[in-house]
Structure formats: C-alpha cells, structure tokens
C-alpha cells in the first residue's frame, strides 16, 4: 500500500461532483462542454479539476486492454502474509508488473493484480519476485480468462 503524501482537503460540493460525473462518462470531455452542463466557465472547470487531481480525489487516465497491448496474461494474486501487512503491500506495489494492490479482510491479506507478457513471465514474477518478499507466506493465482465488465463510473455520493 503506497502511502499518499499529505494533500490539501478538497470540498466536494454538488458542482465538483457533477464535474466528476461528467469525466467518468468521458474522460476526454472538454472543460467548455463540462462548464455548460455544470454552469461554470471553462477556466473555473479547469481550476476545479486541477484541485480534484491535486487533492487525490480523482485522476484522469487512459484505461487500456492489456491483451490488446501484447500482454498475454493478466491475473489476480491472493497473498497470505505473516507479520505486518504494510511492508509486503508496499513491496508488491513497487513491482513494475503489479498494477493494483489492496489490503483485504478474508482468506487473503493482500490482493495484487499482475499483467505479464507470457506464462514464463508470470512464473518468474510469482516465484522469483512475489514469493521472495519477506513476510509472504503463500500465494494463489487467479488467471483471467475473459473480462466481462470493467467500469469506473460508479458515480459520486
């Protein structure tokens, strides 16, 4: 788990929430178009978006399909840990091939999503790097066979 630096508190008023919803629908939507919907100028929308990004409330990124980019294997790795969880989560997060790390409650202490170029690459990652992290007691790998849904537009409350 990567520790986030202290950030300024961001007020999430109805206008900021509306801006977030507009960007969840289309991350390339122009500030001018968003401004028309939320009743602000392009400059005011730009400023609010920057505050939301700087405050860690959101990020705007391109979401890709790893299979289309030449990565043959995508998997979730369940990790059981002995001792403190945070150092193991931080070590996993530092691995280039790991794109998602979450500390959990349940059968696994940590879940880590990995993207690999081949079965050999996945084997080396699991056996040579993940299982060698101090505190990793066991792993279980769940290979992705078919992505049926992936969404980031859960709205705001």
C-alpha atoms as a PDB file:
ATOM      1  CA  UNK A   1       0.000   0.000   0.000  1.00  0.00           C
ATOM      2  CA  UNK A   2       1.651   3.190  -1.164  1.00  0.00           C
ATOM      3  CA  UNK A   3       1.349   5.938   1.375  1.00  0.00           C
ATOM      4  CA  UNK A   4      -0.055   9.112  -0.051  1.00  0.00           C
ATOM      5  CA  UNK A   5       1.569  12.427   0.818  1.00  0.00           C
ATOM      6  CA  UNK A   6      -0.498  14.936   2.740  1.00  0.00           C
ATOM      7  CA  UNK A   7      -2.779  16.783   0.353  1.00  0.00           C
ATOM      8  CA  UNK A   8      -4.963  19.801   0.807  1.00  0.00           C
ATOM      9  CA  UNK A   9      -8.539  18.968   1.772  1.00  0.00           C
ATOM     10  CA  UNK A  10     -10.925  19.211  -1.173  1.00  0.00           C
ATOM     11  CA  UNK A  11     -14.504  20.349  -0.748  1.00  0.00           C
ATOM     12  CA  UNK A  12     -16.818  18.080  -2.716  1.00  0.00           C
ATOM     13  CA  UNK A  13     -19.809  20.286  -3.370  1.00  0.00           C
ATOM     14  CA  UNK A  14     -22.513  19.442  -5.890  1.00  0.00           C
ATOM     15  CA  UNK A  15     -20.657  21.209  -8.710  1.00  0.00           C
ATOM     16  CA  UNK A  16     -17.445  19.252  -8.106  1.00  0.00           C
ATOM     17  CA  UNK A  17     -19.455  16.035  -8.013  1.00  0.00           C
ATOM     18  CA  UNK A  18     -21.110  16.955 -11.301  1.00  0.00           C
ATOM     19  CA  UNK A  19     -17.691  17.590 -12.865  1.00  0.00           C
ATOM     20  CA  UNK A  20     -16.500  14.174 -11.675  1.00  0.00           C
ATOM     21  CA  UNK A  21     -19.599  12.509 -13.127  1.00  0.00           C
ATOM     22  CA  UNK A  22     -19.017  14.229 -16.483  1.00  0.00           C
ATOM     23  CA  UNK A  23     -15.418  12.972 -16.582  1.00  0.00           C
ATOM     24  CA  UNK A  24     -16.476   9.464 -15.522  1.00  0.00           C
ATOM     25  CA  UNK A  25     -18.753   9.369 -18.555  1.00  0.00           C
ATOM     26  CA  UNK A  26     -15.994  10.635 -20.877  1.00  0.00           C
ATOM     27  CA  UNK A  27     -12.521  11.454 -19.586  1.00  0.00           C
ATOM     28  CA  UNK A  28     -11.818  13.434 -22.777  1.00  0.00           C
ATOM     29  CA  UNK A  29     -14.828  15.720 -22.410  1.00  0.00           C
ATOM     30  CA  UNK A  30     -13.736  19.329 -22.851  1.00  0.00           C
ATOM     31  CA  UNK A  31     -13.784  21.780 -19.970  1.00  0.00           C
ATOM     32  CA  UNK A  32     -16.028  24.008 -22.080  1.00  0.00           C
ATOM     33  CA  UNK A  33     -18.597  21.226 -22.526  1.00  0.00           C
ATOM     34  CA  UNK A  34     -18.445  20.368 -18.822  1.00  0.00           C
ATOM     35  CA  UNK A  35     -18.835  24.045 -17.947  1.00  0.00           C
ATOM     36  CA  UNK A  36     -22.060  24.261 -19.946  1.00  0.00           C
ATOM     37  CA  UNK A  37     -23.513  21.327 -18.002  1.00  0.00           C
ATOM     38  CA  UNK A  38     -22.422  22.488 -14.541  1.00  0.00           C
ATOM     39  CA  UNK A  39     -22.823  26.243 -15.047  1.00  0.00           C
ATOM     40  CA  UNK A  40     -19.163  27.312 -14.828  1.00  0.00           C
ATOM     41  CA  UNK A  41     -16.659  28.870 -17.206  1.00  0.00           C
ATOM     42  CA  UNK A  42     -14.024  26.751 -18.892  1.00  0.00           C
ATOM     43  CA  UNK A  43     -11.356  28.321 -16.652  1.00  0.00           C
ATOM     44  CA  UNK A  44     -13.336  27.583 -13.482  1.00  0.00           C
ATOM     45  CA  UNK A  45     -13.821  23.938 -14.526  1.00  0.00           C
ATOM     46  CA  UNK A  46     -10.098  23.636 -15.326  1.00  0.00           C
ATOM     47  CA  UNK A  47      -9.256  25.018 -11.864  1.00  0.00           C
ATOM     48  CA  UNK A  48     -11.654  22.653 -10.077  1.00  0.00           C
ATOM     49  CA  UNK A  49     -10.398  19.631 -12.000  1.00  0.00           C
ATOM     50  CA  UNK A  50      -6.821  20.502 -11.063  1.00  0.00           C
ATOM     51  CA  UNK A  51      -7.805  20.845  -7.380  1.00  0.00           C
ATOM     52  CA  UNK A  52      -9.565  17.450  -7.513  1.00  0.00           C
ATOM     53  CA  UNK A  53      -6.469  15.850  -9.047  1.00  0.00           C
ATOM     54  CA  UNK A  54      -4.055  17.594  -6.657  1.00  0.00           C
ATOM     55  CA  UNK A  55      -6.251  16.598  -3.715  1.00  0.00           C
ATOM     56  CA  UNK A  56      -6.183  12.924  -4.710  1.00  0.00           C
ATOM     57  CA  UNK A  57      -9.939  12.784  -5.250  1.00  0.00           C
ATOM     58  CA  UNK A  58      -9.559  11.623  -8.854  1.00  0.00           C
ATOM     59  CA  UNK A  59      -7.162  11.027 -11.697  1.00  0.00           C
ATOM     60  CA  UNK A  60      -7.747  11.097 -15.429  1.00  0.00           C
ATOM     61  CA  UNK A  61      -6.009   8.218 -17.239  1.00  0.00           C
ATOM     62  CA  UNK A  62      -6.353   6.090 -20.352  1.00  0.00           C
ATOM     63  CA  UNK A  63      -7.661   2.635 -19.431  1.00  0.00           C
ATOM     64  CA  UNK A  64      -6.266   0.008 -21.775  1.00  0.00           C
ATOM     65  CA  UNK A  65      -6.875  -3.642 -22.503  1.00  0.00           C
ATOM     66  CA  UNK A  66      -3.585  -5.404 -21.656  1.00  0.00           C
ATOM     67  CA  UNK A  67      -4.325  -8.213 -24.126  1.00  0.00           C
ATOM     68  CA  UNK A  68      -4.530  -5.707 -26.969  1.00  0.00           C
ATOM     69  CA  UNK A  69      -1.153  -4.261 -25.948  1.00  0.00           C
ATOM     70  CA  UNK A  70       0.724  -7.562 -26.189  1.00  0.00           C
ATOM     71  CA  UNK A  71       0.342  -8.835 -22.631  1.00  0.00           C
ATOM     72  CA  UNK A  72      -0.790 -12.456 -22.806  1.00  0.00           C
ATOM     73  CA  UNK A  73      -1.543 -12.967 -19.102  1.00  0.00           C
ATOM     74  CA  UNK A  74      -3.489 -10.981 -16.557  1.00  0.00           C
ATOM     75  CA  UNK A  75      -4.157 -12.414 -13.118  1.00  0.00           C
ATOM     76  CA  UNK A  76      -5.126 -11.603  -9.556  1.00  0.00           C
ATOM     77  CA  UNK A  77      -2.740 -12.941  -6.939  1.00  0.00           C
ATOM     78  CA  UNK A  78      -4.042 -13.627  -3.451  1.00  0.00           C
ATOM     79  CA  UNK A  79      -1.255 -13.236  -0.888  1.00  0.00           C
ATOM     80  CA  UNK A  80      -1.178 -14.570   2.664  1.00  0.00           C
ATOM     81  CA  UNK A  81       1.239 -12.750   4.948  1.00  0.00           C
ATOM     82  CA  UNK A  82       2.988 -13.479   8.215  1.00  0.00           C
ATOM     83  CA  UNK A  83       3.708 -10.357  10.241  1.00  0.00           C
ATOM     84  CA  UNK A  84       2.849  -6.784   9.285  1.00  0.00           C
ATOM     85  CA  UNK A  85       0.877  -6.334   6.057  1.00  0.00           C
ATOM     86  CA  UNK A  86       2.041  -2.851   5.078  1.00  0.00           C
ATOM     87  CA  UNK A  87       5.677  -3.710   4.178  1.00  0.00           C
ATOM     88  CA  UNK A  88       4.506  -6.571   1.961  1.00  0.00           C
ATOM     89  CA  UNK A  89       1.851  -4.394   0.306  1.00  0.00           C
ATOM     90  CA  UNK A  90       4.453  -1.668  -0.294  1.00  0.00           C
ATOM     91  CA  UNK A  91       6.905  -4.189  -1.796  1.00  0.00           C
ATOM     92  CA  UNK A  92       4.204  -5.524  -4.116  1.00  0.00           C
ATOM     93  CA  UNK A  93       3.199  -2.005  -5.147  1.00  0.00           C
ATOM     94  CA  UNK A  94       6.825  -1.289  -6.076  1.00  0.00           C
ATOM     95  CA  UNK A  95       6.888  -4.123  -8.638  1.00  0.00           C
ATOM     96  CA  UNK A  96       6.508  -2.821 -12.187  1.00  0.00           C
ATOM     97  CA  UNK A  97       4.327  -5.756 -13.305  1.00  0.00           C
ATOM     98  CA  UNK A  98       1.834  -5.203 -10.474  1.00  0.00           C
ATOM     99  CA  UNK A  99      -0.855  -2.659 -11.338  1.00  0.00           C
ATOM    100  CA  UNK A 100      -3.209  -2.936  -8.344  1.00  0.00           C
ATOM    101  CA  UNK A 101      -2.623  -3.736  -4.688  1.00  0.00           C
ATOM    102  CA  UNK A 102      -5.218  -3.785  -1.928  1.00  0.00           C
ATOM    103  CA  UNK A 103      -5.048  -4.935   1.687  1.00  0.00           C
ATOM    104  CA  UNK A 104      -8.119  -7.060   2.373  1.00  0.00           C
ATOM    105  CA  UNK A 105     -10.036  -8.861   5.080  1.00  0.00           C
ATOM    106  CA  UNK A 106     -10.818 -12.508   4.395  1.00  0.00           C
ATOM    107  CA  UNK A 107      -8.931 -15.518   3.049  1.00  0.00           C
ATOM    108  CA  UNK A 108      -6.135 -13.363   1.649  1.00  0.00           C
ATOM    109  CA  UNK A 109      -4.364 -10.498   3.359  1.00  0.00           C
ATOM    110  CA  UNK A 110      -3.494  -8.766   0.094  1.00  0.00           C
ATOM    111  CA  UNK A 111      -4.730  -8.941  -3.497  1.00  0.00           C
ATOM    112  CA  UNK A 112      -2.395  -7.876  -6.300  1.00  0.00           C
ATOM    113  CA  UNK A 113      -3.292  -7.679  -9.975  1.00  0.00           C
ATOM    114  CA  UNK A 114      -0.473  -8.524 -12.370  1.00  0.00           C
ATOM    115  CA  UNK A 115      -0.025  -8.146 -16.115  1.00  0.00           C
ATOM    116  CA  UNK A 116       2.546 -10.345 -17.868  1.00  0.00           C
ATOM    117  CA  UNK A 117       3.812 -10.974 -21.388  1.00  0.00           C
ATOM    118  CA  UNK A 118       3.802 -14.780 -21.133  1.00  0.00           C
ATOM    119  CA  UNK A 119       3.370 -17.760 -18.844  1.00  0.00           C
ATOM    120  CA  UNK A 120       7.144 -17.737 -18.282  1.00  0.00           C
ATOM    121  CA  UNK A 121       6.998 -14.069 -17.265  1.00  0.00           C
ATOM    122  CA  UNK A 122       4.127 -14.819 -14.855  1.00  0.00           C
ATOM    123  CA  UNK A 123       6.044 -17.765 -13.354  1.00  0.00           C
ATOM    124  CA  UNK A 124       9.154 -15.617 -12.832  1.00  0.00           C
ATOM    125  CA  UNK A 125       7.081 -12.836 -11.258  1.00  0.00           C
ATOM    126  CA  UNK A 126       5.255 -15.147  -8.848  1.00  0.00           C
ATOM    127  CA  UNK A 127       8.121 -17.478  -7.995  1.00  0.00           C
ATOM    128  CA  UNK A 128      11.110 -15.183  -8.334  1.00  0.00           C
ATOM    129  CA  UNK A 129       9.808 -11.877  -7.055  1.00  0.00           C
ATOM    130  CA  UNK A 130       6.472 -12.072  -5.186  1.00  0.00           C
ATOM    131  CA  UNK A 131       7.170 -15.228  -3.177  1.00  0.00           C
ATOM    132  CA  UNK A 132      10.621 -13.949  -2.218  1.00  0.00           C
ATOM    133  CA  UNK A 133       9.243 -10.850  -0.475  1.00  0.00           C
ATOM    134  CA  UNK A 134       9.852 -11.118   3.256  1.00  0.00           C
ATOM    135  CA  UNK A 135       6.568 -11.915   5.004  1.00  0.00           C
ATOM    136  CA  UNK A 136       4.874 -13.642   2.042  1.00  0.00           C
ATOM    137  CA  UNK A 137       3.662 -16.974   3.402  1.00  0.00           C
ATOM    138  CA  UNK A 138       1.612 -18.221   0.432  1.00  0.00           C
ATOM    139  CA  UNK A 139       0.114 -17.101  -2.864  1.00  0.00           C
ATOM    140  CA  UNK A 140      -2.731 -18.245  -5.077  1.00  0.00           C
ATOM    141  CA  UNK A 141      -3.010 -17.062  -8.653  1.00  0.00           C
ATOM    142  CA  UNK A 142      -6.343 -16.487 -10.391  1.00  0.00           C
ATOM    143  CA  UNK A 143      -5.855 -16.297 -14.173  1.00  0.00           C
ATOM    144  CA  UNK A 144      -8.210 -14.005 -16.050  1.00  0.00           C
ATOM    145  CA  UNK A 145      -9.926 -15.914 -18.844  1.00  0.00           C
ATOM    146  CA  UNK A 146     -12.468 -13.350 -20.020  1.00  0.00           C
ATOM    147  CA  UNK A 147     -13.122  -9.781 -18.930  1.00  0.00           C
ATOM    148  CA  UNK A 148     -16.889  -9.380 -18.708  1.00  0.00           C
ATOM    149  CA  UNK A 149     -17.147  -5.960 -17.070  1.00  0.00           C
ATOM    150  CA  UNK A 150     -14.817  -3.180 -16.006  1.00  0.00           C
ATOM    151  CA  UNK A 151     -16.215   0.177 -15.070  1.00  0.00           C
ATOM    152  CA  UNK A 152     -15.035   3.287 -13.294  1.00  0.00           C
ATOM    153  CA  UNK A 153     -18.292   5.219 -13.458  1.00  0.00           C
ATOM    154  CA  UNK A 154     -19.804   4.379 -10.078  1.00  0.00           C
ATOM    155  CA  UNK A 155     -20.867   7.988  -9.610  1.00  0.00           C
ATOM    156  CA  UNK A 156     -20.455  10.163  -6.550  1.00  0.00           C
ATOM    157  CA  UNK A 157     -22.394  10.302  -3.314  1.00  0.00           C
END
